[in-house]
Protein backbone atom coordinates (compact mmCIF):
# COMPACT_ATOMS: atom_id res chain seq x y z
CA MET A 1 0.00 0.00 0.00
CA ASN A 2 1.52 3.33 -1.03
CA THR A 3 1.47 6.58 0.95
CA ALA A 4 -1.34 8.15 -1.09
CA ALA A 5 -3.55 5.09 -0.55
CA ILE A 6 -2.80 5.11 3.17
CA ILE A 7 -3.67 8.82 3.46
CA GLU A 8 -6.88 8.31 1.49
CA LYS A 9 -7.88 5.39 3.72
CA ILE A 10 -7.07 7.35 6.91
CA ASN A 11 -9.03 10.40 5.77
CA GLY A 12 -11.95 8.18 4.79
CA PHE A 13 -12.28 6.56 8.19
CA LEU A 14 -11.72 9.87 10.00
CA VAL A 15 -14.61 11.44 8.10
CA GLU A 16 -16.80 8.38 8.64
CA GLU A 17 -15.93 7.43 12.23
CA PHE A 18 -15.28 10.89 13.70
CA GLU A 19 -17.70 12.86 11.52
CA VAL A 20 -15.07 15.48 10.72
CA ASP A 21 -15.52 17.83 7.77
CA PRO A 22 -13.09 16.66 5.06
CA GLY A 23 -12.22 20.30 4.38
CA LYS A 24 -10.71 20.56 7.86
CA ILE A 25 -8.25 17.74 7.24
CA SER A 26 -4.88 19.00 6.06
CA PRO A 27 -1.33 17.81 6.72
CA GLU A 28 -0.48 20.78 8.96
CA ALA A 29 -3.75 20.79 10.95
CA ASN A 30 -3.68 19.74 14.61
CA LEU A 31 -5.08 16.21 14.84
CA ARG A 32 -6.51 16.45 18.36
CA GLU A 33 -8.13 19.86 17.85
CA THR A 34 -9.54 19.10 14.41
CA LEU A 35 -11.07 15.80 15.51
CA GLU A 36 -11.96 17.15 18.98
CA LEU A 37 -10.44 14.03 20.52
CA ASP A 38 -10.87 13.10 24.15
CA SER A 39 -9.36 10.04 25.84
CA LEU A 40 -12.19 7.75 24.71
CA ASP A 41 -11.84 8.97 21.13
CA TYR A 42 -8.17 8.00 21.20
CA ILE A 43 -9.22 4.45 22.07
CA ASP A 44 -11.65 4.48 19.13
CA LEU A 45 -8.89 5.81 16.88
CA VAL A 46 -6.51 3.04 17.98
CA VAL A 47 -9.16 0.38 17.29
CA VAL A 48 -9.84 1.80 13.83
CA ILE A 49 -6.12 1.95 12.99
CA GLU A 50 -5.53 -1.61 14.20
CA SER A 51 -8.51 -2.99 12.29
CA ASN A 52 -7.71 -1.10 9.07
CA PHE A 53 -3.96 -1.58 8.97
CA GLY A 54 -3.33 -4.72 11.01
CA PHE A 55 -0.75 -3.55 13.54
CA LYS A 56 -0.87 -2.85 17.28
CA VAL A 57 -0.68 0.74 18.49
CA LYS A 58 0.95 1.64 21.80
CA PRO A 59 -0.38 4.67 23.72
CA GLU A 60 3.11 6.17 23.84
CA ASP A 61 3.17 6.20 20.03
CA PHE A 62 0.71 9.10 20.12
CA VAL A 63 2.99 11.35 22.19
CA SER A 64 4.81 12.66 19.12
CA ILE A 65 1.72 12.85 16.88
CA VAL A 66 0.49 16.43 16.69
CA THR A 67 -0.51 17.04 13.07
CA PHE A 68 -2.24 14.94 10.45
CA GLN A 69 1.13 14.68 8.68
CA ASN A 70 2.66 13.18 11.84
CA PHE A 71 -0.23 10.72 11.90
CA TYR A 72 0.15 9.82 8.20
CA ASP A 73 3.90 9.33 8.67
CA TYR A 74 3.37 7.13 11.73
CA VAL A 75 0.88 4.84 9.97
CA THR A 76 2.94 4.73 6.77
CA ASN A 77 6.09 3.77 8.70
CA ARG A 78 4.26 1.10 10.71
CA VAL A 79 2.72 -0.39 7.56
CA ALA A 80 6.16 -0.45 5.94
CA GLN A 81 7.65 -2.18 9.02
CA LYS A 82 4.88 -4.76 8.92
CA VAL A 83 5.57 -5.49 5.25
CA THR A 84 9.31 -5.94 5.81
CA SER A 85 8.89 -8.07 8.95
């Protein structure tokens, strides 16, 4: 799966699961503020990531994720690691 496909898939489930306006999603936007995430939403986000991409997410992985671009990079890197493992 290439980066563009991963980003498209992520944006699709964010719009569907978190009911965010697609126009608000941009690489430099703040993930937490845009999605209005609380602690329960993070759990939902982890479940959606794990079910869509097939890897486990650790809570500490989210510490460095601030923007959508950080999020895209994280998922892309984890998918690539899974493929090479």
